[in-house]
Amino acid sequence: MSYKHSFDPMALAEYKEAIEWYGQKSITALDGFIAAVNVKIEAVCLTPALYRITYKNQREVSLNKFPYAIVYSVNENAKMVTITSVYHHKRNPRRKYKK
């Protein structure tokens, strides 16, 4: 059974910021980035426990071909994945989980 997903407001802002940046660089890069995010979200929603726990109950999966990670938590009772961050790998890792 597939889980539903939602974005934390901060994660949605990070995602929109990345979309804007790639949109300024190239439509091809933008399309690739959006597709890569969608592929990982679908994978997480199918098997959320597959990816590693990196901090407390936060799990993380890296995108293919893009320097970003999707950080998320899982609510088993509600069958819901909450994306808490769309995090660029070059940012300070200490701030990845502090919201």
PDB file of N, CA and C in Angstrom:
ATOM      1  N   MET A   1       0.834  -1.183   0.000  1.00  0.00           N
ATOM      2  CA  MET A   1       0.000   0.000   0.000  1.00  0.00           C
ATOM      3  C   MET A   1       0.874   1.241   0.000  1.00  0.00           C
ATOM      4  N   SER A   2       0.561   2.161  -0.839  1.00  0.00           N
ATOM      5  CA  SER A   2       1.337   3.379  -0.972  1.00  0.00           C
ATOM      6  C   SER A   2       0.924   4.416   0.075  1.00  0.00           C
ATOM      7  N   TYR A   3       1.906   5.121   0.581  1.00  0.00           N
ATOM      8  CA  TYR A   3       1.663   6.184   1.538  1.00  0.00           C
ATOM      9  C   TYR A   3       1.365   7.479   0.780  1.00  0.00           C
ATOM     10  N   LYS A   4       0.666   8.395   1.428  1.00  0.00           N
ATOM     11  CA  LYS A   4       0.474   9.738   0.884  1.00  0.00           C
ATOM     12  C   LYS A   4       1.646  10.585   1.356  1.00  0.00           C
ATOM     13  N   HIS A   5       1.850  11.743   0.709  1.00  0.00           N
ATOM     14  CA  HIS A   5       2.933  12.611   1.152  1.00  0.00           C
ATOM     15  C   HIS A   5       2.452  14.051   1.243  1.00  0.00           C
ATOM     16  N   SER A   6       3.147  14.807   2.071  1.00  0.00           N
ATOM     17  CA  SER A   6       2.911  16.243   2.191  1.00  0.00           C
ATOM     18  C   SER A   6       4.243  16.923   2.438  1.00  0.00           C
ATOM     19  N   PHE A   7       4.292  18.207   2.135  1.00  0.00           N
ATOM     20  CA  PHE A   7       5.492  19.001   2.359  1.00  0.00           C
ATOM     21  C   PHE A   7       5.299  19.874   3.589  1.00  0.00           C
ATOM     22  N   ASP A   8       6.283  19.885   4.460  1.00  0.00           N
ATOM     23  CA  ASP A   8       6.364  20.872   5.514  1.00  0.00           C
ATOM     24  C   ASP A   8       6.534  22.231   4.812  1.00  0.00           C
ATOM     25  N   PRO A   9       5.973  23.320   5.328  1.00  0.00           N
ATOM     26  CA  PRO A   9       6.113  24.620   4.650  1.00  0.00           C
ATOM     27  C   PRO A   9       7.561  25.029   4.363  1.00  0.00           C
ATOM     28  N   MET A  10       8.478  24.720   5.276  1.00  0.00           N
ATOM     29  CA  MET A  10       9.894  25.056   5.050  1.00  0.00           C
ATOM     30  C   MET A  10      10.463  24.222   3.901  1.00  0.00           C
ATOM     31  N   ALA A  11      10.091  22.958   3.837  1.00  0.00           N
ATOM     32  CA  ALA A  11      10.566  22.083   2.763  1.00  0.00           C
ATOM     33  C   ALA A  11      10.006  22.543   1.429  1.00  0.00           C
ATOM     34  N   LEU A  12       8.763  22.961   1.413  1.00  0.00           N
ATOM     35  CA  LEU A  12       8.162  23.454   0.178  1.00  0.00           C
ATOM     36  C   LEU A  12       8.870  24.721  -0.294  1.00  0.00           C
ATOM     37  N   ALA A  13       9.241  25.588   0.631  1.00  0.00           N
ATOM     38  CA  ALA A  13       9.987  26.800   0.273  1.00  0.00           C
ATOM     39  C   ALA A  13      11.356  26.435  -0.300  1.00  0.00           C
ATOM     40  N   GLU A  14      12.035  25.453   0.294  1.00  0.00           N
ATOM     41  CA  GLU A  14      13.333  25.007  -0.229  1.00  0.00           C
ATOM     42  C   GLU A  14      13.182  24.431  -1.633  1.00  0.00           C
ATOM     43  N   TYR A  15      12.134  23.648  -1.832  1.00  0.00           N
ATOM     44  CA  TYR A  15      11.873  23.028  -3.131  1.00  0.00           C
ATOM     45  C   TYR A  15      11.597  24.104  -4.188  1.00  0.00           C
ATOM     46  N   LYS A  16      10.773  25.076  -3.855  1.00  0.00           N
ATOM     47  CA  LYS A  16      10.470  26.159  -4.793  1.00  0.00           C
ATOM     48  C   LYS A  16      11.712  26.983  -5.119  1.00  0.00           C
ATOM     49  N   GLU A  17      12.563  27.197  -4.126  1.00  0.00           N
ATOM     50  CA  GLU A  17      13.808  27.934  -4.337  1.00  0.00           C
ATOM     51  C   GLU A  17      14.716  27.185  -5.316  1.00  0.00           C
ATOM     52  N   ALA A  18      14.804  25.883  -5.160  1.00  0.00           N
ATOM     53  CA  ALA A  18      15.619  25.067  -6.070  1.00  0.00           C
ATOM     54  C   ALA A  18      15.023  25.075  -7.476  1.00  0.00           C
ATOM     55  N   ILE A  19      13.708  24.988  -7.573  1.00  0.00           N
ATOM     56  CA  ILE A  19      13.040  25.039  -8.878  1.00  0.00           C
ATOM     57  C   ILE A  19      13.342  26.362  -9.570  1.00  0.00           C
ATOM     58  N   GLU A  20      13.261  27.437  -8.821  1.00  0.00           N
ATOM     59  CA  GLU A  20      13.547  28.761  -9.388  1.00  0.00           C
ATOM     60  C   GLU A  20      14.996  28.839  -9.891  1.00  0.00           C
ATOM     61  N   TRP A  21      15.926  28.312  -9.092  1.00  0.00           N
ATOM     62  CA  TRP A  21      17.337  28.363  -9.475  1.00  0.00           C
ATOM     63  C   TRP A  21      17.579  27.561 -10.756  1.00  0.00           C
ATOM     64  N   TYR A  22      17.073  26.332 -10.813  1.00  0.00           N
ATOM     65  CA  TYR A  22      17.254  25.517 -12.018  1.00  0.00           C
ATOM     66  C   TYR A  22      16.515  26.114 -13.207  1.00  0.00           C
ATOM     67  N   GLY A  23      15.383  26.754 -12.962  1.00  0.00           N
ATOM     68  CA  GLY A  23      14.642  27.400 -14.037  1.00  0.00           C
ATOM     69  C   GLY A  23      15.417  28.536 -14.679  1.00  0.00           C
ATOM     70  N   GLN A  24      16.231  29.223 -13.900  1.00  0.00           N
ATOM     71  CA  GLN A  24      17.062  30.308 -14.432  1.00  0.00           C
ATOM     72  C   GLN A  24      18.241  29.766 -15.230  1.00  0.00           C
ATOM     73  N   LYS A  25      18.669  28.563 -14.928  1.00  0.00           N
ATOM     74  CA  LYS A  25      19.829  27.976 -15.608  1.00  0.00           C
ATOM     75  C   LYS A  25      19.447  27.336 -16.933  1.00  0.00           C
ATOM     76  N   SER A  26      18.409  26.480 -16.908  1.00  0.00           N
ATOM     77  CA  SER A  26      18.047  25.751 -18.116  1.00  0.00           C
ATOM     78  C   SER A  26      16.729  25.022 -17.907  1.00  0.00           C
ATOM     79  N   ILE A  27      15.898  25.025 -18.936  1.00  0.00           N
ATOM     80  CA  ILE A  27      14.627  24.302 -18.873  1.00  0.00           C
ATOM     81  C   ILE A  27      14.884  22.799 -18.756  1.00  0.00           C
ATOM     82  N   THR A  28      15.919  22.323 -19.424  1.00  0.00           N
ATOM     83  CA  THR A  28      16.258  20.897 -19.357  1.00  0.00           C
ATOM     84  C   THR A  28      16.653  20.501 -17.936  1.00  0.00           C
ATOM     85  N   ALA A  29      17.475  21.339 -17.301  1.00  0.00           N
ATOM     86  CA  ALA A  29      17.880  21.063 -15.917  1.00  0.00           C
ATOM     87  C   ALA A  29      16.683  21.124 -14.983  1.00  0.00           C
ATOM     88  N   LEU A  30      15.807  22.088 -15.209  1.00  0.00           N
ATOM     89  CA  LEU A  30      14.608  22.211 -14.391  1.00  0.00           C
ATOM     90  C   LEU A  30      13.729  20.973 -14.509  1.00  0.00           C
ATOM     91  N   ASP A  31      13.485  20.541 -15.731  1.00  0.00           N
ATOM     92  CA  ASP A  31      12.671  19.343 -15.951  1.00  0.00           C
ATOM     93  C   ASP A  31      13.307  18.115 -15.305  1.00  0.00           C
ATOM     94  N   GLY A  32      14.629  17.996 -15.430  1.00  0.00           N
ATOM     95  CA  GLY A  32      15.340  16.866 -14.826  1.00  0.00           C
ATOM     96  C   GLY A  32      15.254  16.878 -13.314  1.00  0.00           C
ATOM     97  N   PHE A  33      15.372  18.071 -12.726  1.00  0.00           N
ATOM     98  CA  PHE A  33      15.302  18.195 -11.269  1.00  0.00           C
ATOM     99  C   PHE A  33      13.914  17.811 -10.757  1.00  0.00           C
ATOM    100  N   ILE A  34      12.886  18.346 -11.377  1.00  0.00           N
ATOM    101  CA  ILE A  34      11.519  18.042 -10.953  1.00  0.00           C
ATOM    102  C   ILE A  34      11.238  16.547 -11.101  1.00  0.00           C
ATOM    103  N   ALA A  35      11.683  15.967 -12.207  1.00  0.00           N
ATOM    104  CA  ALA A  35      11.490  14.524 -12.421  1.00  0.00           C
ATOM    105  C   ALA A  35      12.228  13.712 -11.357  1.00  0.00           C
ATOM    106  N   ALA A  36      13.466  14.118 -11.025  1.00  0.00           N
ATOM    107  CA  ALA A  36      14.249  13.394 -10.017  1.00  0.00           C
ATOM    108  C   ALA A  36      13.570  13.452  -8.650  1.00  0.00           C
ATOM    109  N   VAL A  37      13.028  14.609  -8.292  1.00  0.00           N
ATOM    110  CA  VAL A  37      12.316  14.741  -7.018  1.00  0.00           C
ATOM    111  C   VAL A  37      11.076  13.852  -7.020  1.00  0.00           C
ATOM    112  N   ASN A  38      10.325  13.888  -8.111  1.00  0.00           N
ATOM    113  CA  ASN A  38       9.103  13.080  -8.189  1.00  0.00           C
ATOM    114  C   ASN A  38       9.390  11.584  -8.109  1.00  0.00           C
ATOM    115  N   VAL A  39      10.467  11.142  -8.761  1.00  0.00           N
ATOM    116  CA  VAL A  39      10.843   9.724  -8.706  1.00  0.00           C
ATOM    117  C   VAL A  39      11.159   9.311  -7.271  1.00  0.00           C
ATOM    118  N   LYS A  40      11.910  10.135  -6.557  1.00  0.00           N
ATOM    119  CA  LYS A  40      12.268   9.781  -5.175  1.00  0.00           C
ATOM    120  C   LYS A  40      11.062   9.837  -4.245  1.00  0.00           C
ATOM    121  N   ILE A  41      10.170  10.813  -4.459  1.00  0.00           N
ATOM    122  CA  ILE A  41       8.972  10.883  -3.626  1.00  0.00           C
ATOM    123  C   ILE A  41       8.116   9.638  -3.843  1.00  0.00           C
ATOM    124  N   GLU A  42       7.966   9.221  -5.086  1.00  0.00           N
ATOM    125  CA  GLU A  42       7.201   8.000  -5.374  1.00  0.00           C
ATOM    126  C   GLU A  42       7.833   6.787  -4.707  1.00  0.00           C
ATOM    127  N   ALA A  43       9.171   6.699  -4.778  1.00  0.00           N
ATOM    128  CA  ALA A  43       9.879   5.575  -4.162  1.00  0.00           C
ATOM    129  C   ALA A  43       9.697   5.578  -2.645  1.00  0.00           C
ATOM    130  N   VAL A  44       9.795   6.759  -2.043  1.00  0.00           N
ATOM    131  CA  VAL A  44       9.615   6.884  -0.593  1.00  0.00           C
ATOM    132  C   VAL A  44       8.198   6.499  -0.198  1.00  0.00           C
ATOM    133  N   CYS A  45       7.223   6.912  -0.975  1.00  0.00           N
ATOM    134  CA  CYS A  45       5.827   6.600  -0.657  1.00  0.00           C
ATOM    135  C   CYS A  45       5.521   5.109  -0.805  1.00  0.00           C
ATOM    136  N   LEU A  46       6.228   4.434  -1.673  1.00  0.00           N
ATOM    137  CA  LEU A  46       6.028   2.988  -1.824  1.00  0.00           C
ATOM    138  C   LEU A  46       6.648   2.201  -0.684  1.00  0.00           C
ATOM    139  N   THR A  47       7.873   2.561  -0.303  1.00  0.00           N
ATOM    140  CA  THR A  47       8.585   1.845   0.758  1.00  0.00           C
ATOM    141  C   THR A  47       9.342   2.843   1.638  1.00  0.00           C
ATOM    142  N   PRO A  48       8.651   3.551   2.514  1.00  0.00           N
ATOM    143  CA  PRO A  48       9.303   4.591   3.312  1.00  0.00           C
ATOM    144  C   PRO A  48      10.359   4.076   4.285  1.00  0.00           C
ATOM    145  N   ALA A  49      10.248   2.846   4.739  1.00  0.00           N
ATOM    146  CA  ALA A  49      11.217   2.309   5.698  1.00  0.00           C
ATOM    147  C   ALA A  49      12.502   1.844   5.028  1.00  0.00           C
ATOM    148  N   LEU A  50      12.543   1.858   3.724  1.00  0.00           N
ATOM    149  CA  LEU A  50      13.716   1.381   2.990  1.00  0.00           C
ATOM    150  C   LEU A  50      14.938   2.279   3.194  1.00  0.00           C
ATOM    151  N   TYR A  51      14.723   3.566   3.343  1.00  0.00           N
ATOM    152  CA  TYR A  51      15.834   4.515   3.396  1.00  0.00           C
ATOM    153  C   TYR A  51      16.295   4.741   4.824  1.00  0.00           C
ATOM    154  N   ARG A  52      17.543   5.137   4.954  1.00  0.00           N
ATOM    155  CA  ARG A  52      18.205   5.173   6.259  1.00  0.00           C
ATOM    156  C   ARG A  52      17.666   6.270   7.177  1.00  0.00           C
ATOM    157  N   ILE A  53      17.663   5.961   8.451  1.00  0.00           N
ATOM    158  CA  ILE A  53      17.360   6.957   9.476  1.00  0.00           C
ATOM    159  C   ILE A  53      18.659   7.695   9.740  1.00  0.00           C
ATOM    160  N   THR A  54      18.613   9.016   9.608  1.00  0.00           N
ATOM    161  CA  THR A  54      19.839   9.789   9.771  1.00  0.00           C
ATOM    162  C   THR A  54      19.847  10.627  11.044  1.00  0.00           C
ATOM    163  N   TYR A  55      18.674  10.928  11.581  1.00  0.00           N
ATOM    164  CA  TYR A  55      18.600  11.732  12.807  1.00  0.00           C
ATOM    165  C   TYR A  55      17.247  11.508  13.446  1.00  0.00           C
ATOM    166  N   LYS A  56      17.256  11.030  14.656  1.00  0.00           N
ATOM    167  CA  LYS A  56      16.027  10.710  15.385  1.00  0.00           C
ATOM    168  C   LYS A  56      15.108   9.904  14.486  1.00  0.00           C
ATOM    169  N   ASN A  57      13.922  10.394  14.176  1.00  0.00           N
ATOM    170  CA  ASN A  57      13.014   9.617  13.319  1.00  0.00           C
ATOM    171  C   ASN A  57      13.001  10.154  11.884  1.00  0.00           C
ATOM    172  N   GLN A  58      14.013  10.923  11.513  1.00  0.00           N
ATOM    173  CA  GLN A  58      14.108  11.487  10.171  1.00  0.00           C
ATOM    174  C   GLN A  58      14.860  10.522   9.252  1.00  0.00           C
ATOM    175  N   ARG A  59      14.316  10.321   8.080  1.00  0.00           N
ATOM    176  CA  ARG A  59      14.957   9.485   7.069  1.00  0.00           C
ATOM    177  C   ARG A  59      15.411  10.376   5.933  1.00  0.00           C
ATOM    178  N   GLU A  60      16.314   9.853   5.119  1.00  0.00           N
ATOM    179  CA  GLU A  60      16.903  10.676   4.067  1.00  0.00           C
ATOM    180  C   GLU A  60      17.207   9.833   2.838  1.00  0.00           C
ATOM    181  N   VAL A  61      16.952  10.422   1.669  1.00  0.00           N
ATOM    182  CA  VAL A  61      17.292   9.788   0.407  1.00  0.00           C
ATOM    183  C   VAL A  61      17.859  10.868  -0.510  1.00  0.00           C
ATOM    184  N   SER A  62      18.954  10.556  -1.187  1.00  0.00           N
ATOM    185  CA  SER A  62      19.572  11.510  -2.105  1.00  0.00           C
ATOM    186  C   SER A  62      18.995  11.347  -3.502  1.00  0.00           C
ATOM    187  N   LEU A  63      18.944  12.468  -4.213  1.00  0.00           N
ATOM    188  CA  LEU A  63      18.493  12.446  -5.602  1.00  0.00           C
ATOM    189  C   LEU A  63      19.606  11.924  -6.496  1.00  0.00           C
ATOM    190  N   ASN A  64      19.221  11.320  -7.600  1.00  0.00           N
ATOM    191  CA  ASN A  64      20.195  10.923  -8.612  1.00  0.00           C
ATOM    192  C   ASN A  64      20.496  12.138  -9.479  1.00  0.00           C
ATOM    193  N   LYS A  65      21.756  12.378  -9.766  1.00  0.00           N
ATOM    194  CA  LYS A  65      22.233  13.432 -10.672  1.00  0.00           C
ATOM    195  C   LYS A  65      22.085  14.853 -10.147  1.00  0.00           C
ATOM    196  N   PHE A  66      21.524  15.060  -8.989  1.00  0.00           N
ATOM    197  CA  PHE A  66      21.382  16.395  -8.418  1.00  0.00           C
ATOM    198  C   PHE A  66      21.858  16.360  -6.968  1.00  0.00           C
ATOM    199  N   PRO A  67      22.521  17.430  -6.513  1.00  0.00           N
ATOM    200  CA  PRO A  67      23.099  17.434  -5.161  1.00  0.00           C
ATOM    201  C   PRO A  67      22.092  17.793  -4.073  1.00  0.00           C
ATOM    202  N   TYR A  68      21.007  17.071  -4.018  1.00  0.00           N
ATOM    203  CA  TYR A  68      19.959  17.314  -3.036  1.00  0.00           C
ATOM    204  C   TYR A  68      19.571  16.018  -2.349  1.00  0.00           C
ATOM    205  N   ALA A  69      19.078  16.184  -1.130  1.00  0.00           N
ATOM    206  CA  ALA A  69      18.515  15.063  -0.375  1.00  0.00           C
ATOM    207  C   ALA A  69      17.102  15.426   0.034  1.00  0.00           C
ATOM    208  N   ILE A  70      16.249  14.434   0.081  1.00  0.00           N
ATOM    209  CA  ILE A  70      14.900  14.609   0.601  1.00  0.00           C
ATOM    210  C   ILE A  70      14.899  14.000   2.001  1.00  0.00           C
ATOM    211  N   VAL A  71      14.596  14.833   2.982  1.00  0.00           N
ATOM    212  CA  VAL A  71      14.527  14.407   4.376  1.00  0.00           C
ATOM    213  C   VAL A  71      13.045  14.299   4.725  1.00  0.00           C
ATOM    214  N   TYR A  72      12.676  13.200   5.375  1.00  0.00           N
ATOM    215  CA  TYR A  72      11.264  12.986   5.653  1.00  0.00           C
ATOM    216  C   TYR A  72      11.059  12.189   6.932  1.00  0.00           C
ATOM    217  N   SER A  73       9.833  12.267   7.425  1.00  0.00           N
ATOM    218  CA  SER A  73       9.427  11.439   8.558  1.00  0.00           C
ATOM    219  C   SER A  73       8.183  10.662   8.134  1.00  0.00           C
ATOM    220  N   VAL A  74       7.924   9.583   8.833  1.00  0.00           N
ATOM    221  CA  VAL A  74       6.823   8.689   8.471  1.00  0.00           C
ATOM    222  C   VAL A  74       5.864   8.569   9.648  1.00  0.00           C
ATOM    223  N   ASN A  75       4.578   8.727   9.368  1.00  0.00           N
ATOM    224  CA  ASN A  75       3.531   8.470  10.340  1.00  0.00           C
ATOM    225  C   ASN A  75       2.848   7.173   9.896  1.00  0.00           C
ATOM    226  N   GLU A  76       3.176   6.086  10.562  1.00  0.00           N
ATOM    227  CA  GLU A  76       2.660   4.774  10.180  1.00  0.00           C
ATOM    228  C   GLU A  76       1.143   4.678  10.331  1.00  0.00           C
ATOM    229  N   ASN A  77       0.611   5.275  11.395  1.00  0.00           N
ATOM    230  CA  ASN A  77      -0.828   5.188  11.644  1.00  0.00           C
ATOM    231  C   ASN A  77      -1.638   5.879  10.549  1.00  0.00           C
ATOM    232  N   ALA A  78      -1.170   7.034  10.101  1.00  0.00           N
ATOM    233  CA  ALA A  78      -1.887   7.787   9.075  1.00  0.00           C
ATOM    234  C   ALA A  78      -1.439   7.413   7.658  1.00  0.00           C
ATOM    235  N   LYS A  79      -0.420   6.543   7.565  1.00  0.00           N
ATOM    236  CA  LYS A  79       0.150   6.185   6.254  1.00  0.00           C
ATOM    237  C   LYS A  79       0.552   7.448   5.494  1.00  0.00           C
ATOM    238  N   MET A  80       1.300   8.333   6.196  1.00  0.00           N
ATOM    239  CA  MET A  80       1.674   9.630   5.655  1.00  0.00           C
ATOM    240  C   MET A  80       3.177   9.847   5.770  1.00  0.00           C
ATOM    241  N   VAL A  81       3.767  10.317   4.679  1.00  0.00           N
ATOM    242  CA  VAL A  81       5.165  10.725   4.646  1.00  0.00           C
ATOM    243  C   VAL A  81       5.176  12.244   4.634  1.00  0.00           C
ATOM    244  N   THR A  82       5.881  12.850   5.577  1.00  0.00           N
ATOM    245  CA  THR A  82       5.998  14.299   5.621  1.00  0.00           C
ATOM    246  C   THR A  82       7.420  14.676   5.230  1.00  0.00           C
ATOM    247  N   ILE A  83       7.545  15.387   4.131  1.00  0.00           N
ATOM    248  CA  ILE A  83       8.855  15.837   3.659  1.00  0.00           C
ATOM    249  C   ILE A  83       9.215  17.083   4.456  1.00  0.00           C
ATOM    250  N   THR A  84      10.295  16.992   5.220  1.00  0.00           N
ATOM    251  CA  THR A  84      10.682  18.082   6.107  1.00  0.00           C
ATOM    252  C   THR A  84      11.779  18.963   5.534  1.00  0.00           C
ATOM    253  N   SER A  85      12.459  18.480   4.491  1.00  0.00           N
ATOM    254  CA  SER A  85      13.509  19.282   3.875  1.00  0.00           C
ATOM    255  C   SER A  85      13.858  18.755   2.493  1.00  0.00           C
ATOM    256  N   VAL A  86      14.127  19.690   1.586  1.00  0.00           N
ATOM    257  CA  VAL A  86      14.726  19.387   0.283  1.00  0.00           C
ATOM    258  C   VAL A  86      16.069  20.104   0.362  1.00  0.00           C
ATOM    259  N   TYR A  87      17.099  19.360   0.751  1.00  0.00           N
ATOM    260  CA  TYR A  87      18.348  19.935   1.248  1.00  0.00           C
ATOM    261  C   TYR A  87      19.497  19.792   0.271  1.00  0.00           C
ATOM    262  N   HIS A  88      20.114  20.916  -0.071  1.00  0.00           N
ATOM    263  CA  HIS A  88      21.287  20.906  -0.950  1.00  0.00           C
ATOM    264  C   HIS A  88      22.492  20.386  -0.174  1.00  0.00           C
ATOM    265  N   HIS A  89      23.272  19.530  -0.770  1.00  0.00           N
ATOM    266  CA  HIS A  89      24.400  18.879  -0.094  1.00  0.00           C
ATOM    267  C   HIS A  89      25.484  19.854   0.358  1.00  0.00           C
ATOM    268  N   LYS A  90      25.593  21.024  -0.260  1.00  0.00           N
ATOM    269  CA  LYS A  90      26.652  21.977   0.109  1.00  0.00           C
ATOM    270  C   LYS A  90      26.272  22.848   1.309  1.00  0.00           C
ATOM    271  N   ARG A  91      25.012  22.798   1.721  1.00  0.00           N
ATOM    272  CA  ARG A  91      24.608  23.597   2.871  1.00  0.00           C
ATOM    273  C   ARG A  91      25.137  22.965   4.149  1.00  0.00           C
ATOM    274  N   ASN A  92      25.141  23.748   5.207  1.00  0.00           N
ATOM    275  CA  ASN A  92      25.631  23.296   6.510  1.00  0.00           C
ATOM    276  C   ASN A  92      24.775  22.125   7.009  1.00  0.00           C
ATOM    277  N   PRO A  93      25.364  20.951   7.174  1.00  0.00           N
ATOM    278  CA  PRO A  93      24.574  19.784   7.587  1.00  0.00           C
ATOM    279  C   PRO A  93      23.971  19.912   8.989  1.00  0.00           C
ATOM    280  N   ARG A  94      24.486  20.774   9.811  1.00  0.00           N
ATOM    281  CA  ARG A  94      23.930  20.945  11.159  1.00  0.00           C
ATOM    282  C   ARG A  94      22.519  21.537  11.108  1.00  0.00           C
ATOM    283  N   ARG A  95      22.191  22.220  10.024  1.00  0.00           N
ATOM    284  CA  ARG A  95      20.872  22.855   9.915  1.00  0.00           C
ATOM    285  C   ARG A  95      19.863  21.975   9.168  1.00  0.00           C
ATOM    286  N   LYS A  96      20.286  20.825   8.740  1.00  0.00           N
ATOM    287  CA  LYS A  96      19.412  19.961   7.944  1.00  0.00           C
ATOM    288  C   LYS A  96      18.177  19.529   8.714  1.00  0.00           C
ATOM    289  N   TYR A  97      18.301  19.270   9.999  1.00  0.00           N
ATOM    290  CA  TYR A  97      17.201  18.718  10.774  1.00  0.00           C
ATOM    291  C   TYR A  97      16.582  19.735  11.738  1.00  0.00           C
ATOM    292  N   LYS A  98      17.165  20.924  11.840  1.00  0.00           N
ATOM    293  CA  LYS A  98      16.661  21.939  12.772  1.00  0.00           C
ATOM    294  C   LYS A  98      15.679  22.839  12.041  1.00  0.00           C
ATOM    295  N   LYS A  99      14.447  22.726  12.410  1.00  0.00           N
ATOM    296  CA  LYS A  99      13.391  23.532  11.791  1.00  0.00           C
ATOM    297  C   LYS A  99      12.628  24.277  12.839  1.00  0.00           C
TER     298      LYS A  99
END
